[in-house]
């Protein structure tokens, strides 16, 4: 029970801090089912057009649906996600408007 309460408190604290950031921030839970977003900043909402209520609990890959991503970048991202190794690439994303 204390793990659940502590986890809820941690998520609440993260959301409060991230929500006030003046730059684009997203935080995902690597232990959650499909690595869902647990916090996004107001700047992220403004930049993408998505509201927190629409995307909290969703994996952030919805942002690059329909965007051209190189197979090598996808492979590198998967390997880094699985192993915890570093990964650097420019991944294109779309705003809610489709831009």
N, C-alpha and C. Protein backbone atom coordinates (compact mmCIF):
# COMPACT_ATOMS: atom_id res chain seq x y z
N UNK A 1 0.82 -1.20 0.00
CA UNK A 1 0.00 0.00 0.00
C UNK A 1 0.86 1.26 0.00
N UNK A 2 1.94 1.29 0.77
CA UNK A 2 2.77 2.49 0.83
C UNK A 2 3.44 2.78 -0.51
N UNK A 3 3.76 1.73 -1.29
CA UNK A 3 4.34 1.95 -2.62
C UNK A 3 3.36 2.67 -3.52
N UNK A 4 2.08 2.31 -3.44
CA UNK A 4 1.06 2.96 -4.25
C UNK A 4 0.91 4.41 -3.83
N UNK A 5 0.84 4.66 -2.54
CA UNK A 5 0.69 6.02 -2.04
C UNK A 5 1.92 6.84 -2.41
N UNK A 6 3.11 6.30 -2.17
CA UNK A 6 4.33 7.02 -2.51
C UNK A 6 4.42 7.29 -4.00
N UNK A 7 4.05 6.32 -4.82
CA UNK A 7 4.06 6.51 -6.27
C UNK A 7 3.11 7.62 -6.69
N UNK A 8 1.94 7.66 -6.08
CA UNK A 8 0.97 8.71 -6.40
C UNK A 8 1.49 10.08 -5.97
N UNK A 9 2.13 10.13 -4.82
CA UNK A 9 2.69 11.41 -4.36
C UNK A 9 3.83 11.88 -5.25
N UNK A 10 4.65 10.96 -5.68
CA UNK A 10 5.76 11.31 -6.57
C UNK A 10 5.21 11.86 -7.89
N UNK A 11 4.23 11.17 -8.47
CA UNK A 11 3.64 11.65 -9.73
C UNK A 11 3.02 13.03 -9.55
N UNK A 12 2.34 13.24 -8.44
CA UNK A 12 1.72 14.54 -8.18
C UNK A 12 2.79 15.63 -8.08
N UNK A 13 3.88 15.34 -7.40
CA UNK A 13 4.97 16.32 -7.26
C UNK A 13 5.62 16.61 -8.61
N UNK A 14 5.84 15.57 -9.40
CA UNK A 14 6.43 15.75 -10.74
C UNK A 14 5.52 16.62 -11.58
N UNK A 15 4.23 16.33 -11.58
CA UNK A 15 3.28 17.12 -12.38
C UNK A 15 3.29 18.59 -11.97
N UNK A 16 3.37 18.84 -10.67
CA UNK A 16 3.37 20.23 -10.19
C UNK A 16 4.62 20.97 -10.67
N UNK A 17 5.77 20.35 -10.56
CA UNK A 17 7.02 20.99 -10.97
C UNK A 17 7.08 21.17 -12.48
N UNK A 18 6.78 20.12 -13.21
CA UNK A 18 6.85 20.17 -14.68
C UNK A 18 5.82 21.15 -15.24
N UNK A 19 4.64 21.16 -14.65
CA UNK A 19 3.59 22.04 -15.14
C UNK A 19 3.97 23.50 -15.14
N UNK A 20 4.87 23.88 -14.25
CA UNK A 20 5.28 25.28 -14.13
C UNK A 20 6.52 25.62 -14.95
N UNK A 21 7.12 24.64 -15.61
CA UNK A 21 8.32 24.91 -16.41
C UNK A 21 8.00 25.87 -17.54
N UNK A 22 8.95 26.72 -17.87
CA UNK A 22 8.77 27.71 -18.94
C UNK A 22 9.27 27.18 -20.28
N UNK A 23 9.62 25.91 -20.33
CA UNK A 23 10.09 25.29 -21.57
C UNK A 23 9.37 23.96 -21.75
N UNK A 24 9.51 23.36 -22.93
CA UNK A 24 8.81 22.11 -23.24
C UNK A 24 9.41 20.94 -22.48
N UNK A 25 8.58 20.29 -21.69
CA UNK A 25 9.01 19.13 -20.91
C UNK A 25 7.92 18.08 -20.94
N UNK A 26 8.31 16.84 -21.12
CA UNK A 26 7.41 15.71 -20.94
C UNK A 26 8.13 14.70 -20.06
N UNK A 27 7.38 14.04 -19.20
CA UNK A 27 7.91 12.98 -18.35
C UNK A 27 7.04 11.76 -18.57
N UNK A 28 7.68 10.63 -18.82
CA UNK A 28 6.96 9.37 -19.00
C UNK A 28 7.37 8.39 -17.90
N UNK A 29 6.49 7.44 -17.64
CA UNK A 29 6.75 6.42 -16.62
C UNK A 29 7.27 5.16 -17.31
N UNK A 30 8.57 4.88 -17.22
CA UNK A 30 9.12 3.71 -17.90
C UNK A 30 8.61 2.39 -17.34
N UNK A 31 8.01 2.43 -16.16
CA UNK A 31 7.45 1.21 -15.57
C UNK A 31 5.97 1.03 -15.87
N UNK A 32 5.36 2.04 -16.47
CA UNK A 32 3.93 1.96 -16.79
C UNK A 32 3.70 1.18 -18.06
N UNK A 33 2.46 0.75 -18.25
CA UNK A 33 2.08 0.01 -19.46
C UNK A 33 2.25 0.91 -20.68
N UNK A 34 3.14 0.58 -21.57
CA UNK A 34 3.44 1.32 -22.81
C UNK A 34 4.10 2.68 -22.55
N UNK A 35 4.74 2.83 -21.39
CA UNK A 35 5.51 4.03 -21.04
C UNK A 35 4.67 5.31 -21.25
N UNK A 36 3.62 5.47 -20.44
CA UNK A 36 2.72 6.62 -20.61
C UNK A 36 3.31 7.93 -20.10
N UNK A 37 2.86 9.01 -20.71
CA UNK A 37 3.21 10.33 -20.20
C UNK A 37 2.53 10.51 -18.84
N UNK A 38 3.27 11.08 -17.89
CA UNK A 38 2.69 11.35 -16.58
C UNK A 38 2.68 12.85 -16.27
N UNK A 39 3.42 13.63 -17.05
CA UNK A 39 3.45 15.08 -16.84
C UNK A 39 3.91 15.77 -18.12
N UNK A 40 3.31 16.93 -18.39
CA UNK A 40 3.75 17.78 -19.51
C UNK A 40 3.68 19.24 -19.04
N UNK A 41 4.55 20.06 -19.60
CA UNK A 41 4.58 21.48 -19.22
C UNK A 41 3.55 22.27 -20.03
N UNK A 42 3.24 23.46 -19.52
CA UNK A 42 2.35 24.37 -20.27
C UNK A 42 2.96 24.73 -21.61
N UNK A 43 4.29 24.90 -21.64
CA UNK A 43 4.96 25.22 -22.90
C UNK A 43 4.77 24.11 -23.92
N UNK A 44 4.78 22.86 -23.46
CA UNK A 44 4.54 21.72 -24.36
C UNK A 44 3.11 21.79 -24.90
N UNK A 45 2.16 22.10 -24.03
CA UNK A 45 0.77 22.23 -24.48
C UNK A 45 0.65 23.32 -25.55
N UNK A 46 1.29 24.46 -25.30
CA UNK A 46 1.24 25.57 -26.25
C UNK A 46 1.89 25.21 -27.58
N UNK A 47 3.03 24.54 -27.52
CA UNK A 47 3.75 24.20 -28.75
C UNK A 47 3.01 23.16 -29.59
N UNK A 48 2.45 22.15 -28.93
CA UNK A 48 1.84 21.05 -29.68
C UNK A 48 0.36 21.20 -29.94
N UNK A 49 -0.32 21.99 -29.12
CA UNK A 49 -1.77 22.13 -29.24
C UNK A 49 -2.55 21.07 -28.48
N UNK A 50 -1.85 20.14 -27.84
CA UNK A 50 -2.51 19.10 -27.04
C UNK A 50 -2.63 19.56 -25.60
N UNK A 51 -3.76 19.29 -24.99
CA UNK A 51 -3.98 19.59 -23.58
C UNK A 51 -3.56 18.37 -22.75
N UNK A 52 -3.12 18.64 -21.54
CA UNK A 52 -2.73 17.55 -20.62
C UNK A 52 -3.80 16.47 -20.54
N UNK A 53 -5.02 16.91 -20.41
CA UNK A 53 -6.12 15.95 -20.24
C UNK A 53 -6.26 14.99 -21.42
N UNK A 54 -5.75 15.37 -22.58
CA UNK A 54 -5.82 14.52 -23.77
C UNK A 54 -4.69 13.49 -23.83
N UNK A 55 -3.55 13.81 -23.21
CA UNK A 55 -2.37 12.99 -23.46
C UNK A 55 -1.74 12.33 -22.24
N UNK A 56 -2.11 12.75 -21.03
CA UNK A 56 -1.59 12.06 -19.85
C UNK A 56 -2.11 10.62 -19.89
N UNK A 57 -1.20 9.69 -19.70
CA UNK A 57 -1.56 8.27 -19.75
C UNK A 57 -1.35 7.64 -21.12
N UNK A 58 -0.89 8.44 -22.10
CA UNK A 58 -0.68 7.97 -23.47
C UNK A 58 0.83 7.98 -23.78
N UNK A 59 1.29 7.01 -24.53
CA UNK A 59 2.69 7.02 -24.98
C UNK A 59 2.87 8.18 -25.95
N UNK A 60 4.01 8.85 -25.91
CA UNK A 60 4.22 10.05 -26.73
C UNK A 60 4.44 9.76 -28.21
N UNK A 61 4.44 8.50 -28.61
CA UNK A 61 4.67 8.23 -30.04
C UNK A 61 3.56 8.78 -30.93
N UNK A 62 2.42 9.14 -30.36
CA UNK A 62 1.35 9.75 -31.17
C UNK A 62 1.85 11.02 -31.86
N UNK A 63 2.87 11.66 -31.30
CA UNK A 63 3.39 12.90 -31.87
C UNK A 63 4.09 12.69 -33.20
N UNK A 64 4.61 11.49 -33.45
CA UNK A 64 5.31 11.28 -34.72
C UNK A 64 4.57 10.34 -35.66
N UNK A 65 3.28 10.13 -35.43
CA UNK A 65 2.48 9.34 -36.36
C UNK A 65 2.47 10.01 -37.73
N UNK A 66 2.83 9.27 -38.74
CA UNK A 66 2.85 9.81 -40.09
C UNK A 66 4.09 10.62 -40.44
N UNK A 67 5.02 10.75 -39.53
CA UNK A 67 6.26 11.49 -39.79
C UNK A 67 7.33 10.52 -40.31
N UNK A 68 8.16 10.99 -41.23
CA UNK A 68 9.23 10.12 -41.71
C UNK A 68 10.33 9.97 -40.66
N UNK A 69 10.55 8.74 -40.22
CA UNK A 69 11.61 8.45 -39.25
C UNK A 69 12.47 7.34 -39.83
N UNK A 70 13.77 7.56 -39.82
CA UNK A 70 14.66 6.57 -40.41
C UNK A 70 14.64 5.27 -39.62
N UNK A 71 14.71 4.14 -40.31
CA UNK A 71 14.75 2.85 -39.62
C UNK A 71 15.92 2.74 -38.65
N UNK A 72 17.04 3.39 -38.96
CA UNK A 72 18.20 3.36 -38.05
C UNK A 72 17.89 4.12 -36.75
N UNK A 73 17.19 5.24 -36.88
CA UNK A 73 16.81 5.99 -35.68
C UNK A 73 15.83 5.18 -34.83
N UNK A 74 14.87 4.53 -35.48
CA UNK A 74 13.93 3.70 -34.73
C UNK A 74 14.64 2.57 -34.00
N UNK A 75 15.59 1.94 -34.68
CA UNK A 75 16.34 0.86 -34.06
C UNK A 75 17.16 1.39 -32.88
N UNK A 76 17.81 2.53 -33.06
CA UNK A 76 18.59 3.13 -31.98
C UNK A 76 17.74 3.49 -30.79
N UNK A 77 16.55 4.02 -31.05
CA UNK A 77 15.62 4.38 -29.97
C UNK A 77 15.16 3.15 -29.21
N UNK A 78 14.82 2.10 -29.95
CA UNK A 78 14.40 0.85 -29.29
C UNK A 78 15.50 0.26 -28.42
N UNK A 79 16.71 0.21 -28.98
CA UNK A 79 17.83 -0.35 -28.22
C UNK A 79 18.11 0.47 -26.96
N UNK A 80 18.08 1.78 -27.08
CA UNK A 80 18.33 2.64 -25.93
C UNK A 80 17.22 2.48 -24.88
N UNK A 81 15.99 2.35 -25.34
CA UNK A 81 14.87 2.17 -24.42
C UNK A 81 14.98 0.86 -23.65
N UNK A 82 15.43 -0.17 -24.34
CA UNK A 82 15.54 -1.49 -23.71
C UNK A 82 16.76 -1.60 -22.80
N UNK A 83 17.85 -0.97 -23.19
CA UNK A 83 19.11 -1.17 -22.46
C UNK A 83 19.48 -0.02 -21.52
N UNK A 84 18.85 1.13 -21.71
CA UNK A 84 19.22 2.29 -20.90
C UNK A 84 20.43 3.03 -21.45
N UNK A 85 20.89 2.64 -22.63
CA UNK A 85 22.03 3.32 -23.23
C UNK A 85 21.60 4.68 -23.80
N UNK A 86 22.57 5.50 -24.12
CA UNK A 86 22.26 6.82 -24.65
C UNK A 86 21.77 6.72 -26.10
N UNK A 87 20.99 7.70 -26.49
CA UNK A 87 20.48 7.79 -27.86
C UNK A 87 20.27 9.25 -28.18
N UNK A 88 20.78 9.68 -29.32
CA UNK A 88 20.59 11.05 -29.77
C UNK A 88 20.18 11.04 -31.23
N UNK A 89 19.08 11.71 -31.52
CA UNK A 89 18.60 11.84 -32.90
C UNK A 89 17.58 12.96 -32.92
N UNK A 90 17.30 13.45 -34.09
CA UNK A 90 16.24 14.43 -34.28
C UNK A 90 15.03 13.67 -34.81
N UNK A 91 14.00 13.57 -33.97
CA UNK A 91 12.78 12.85 -34.37
C UNK A 91 11.68 13.86 -34.67
N UNK A 92 11.14 13.81 -35.89
CA UNK A 92 10.09 14.77 -36.24
C UNK A 92 8.79 14.45 -35.50
N UNK A 93 8.06 15.49 -35.14
CA UNK A 93 6.77 15.36 -34.48
C UNK A 93 5.75 16.23 -35.17
N UNK A 94 4.48 15.96 -34.92
CA UNK A 94 3.40 16.76 -35.47
C UNK A 94 2.62 17.43 -34.34
N UNK A 95 2.15 18.63 -34.63
CA UNK A 95 1.26 19.32 -33.71
C UNK A 95 -0.15 18.75 -33.88
N UNK A 96 -1.02 19.07 -32.97
CA UNK A 96 -2.40 18.61 -33.06
C UNK A 96 -3.04 19.08 -34.36
N UNK A 97 -2.62 20.25 -34.83
CA UNK A 97 -3.16 20.82 -36.07
C UNK A 97 -2.70 20.07 -37.32
N UNK A 98 -1.72 19.18 -37.17
CA UNK A 98 -1.20 18.44 -38.32
C UNK A 98 0.10 19.00 -38.86
N UNK A 99 0.49 20.18 -38.41
CA UNK A 99 1.75 20.79 -38.86
C UNK A 99 2.92 19.95 -38.42
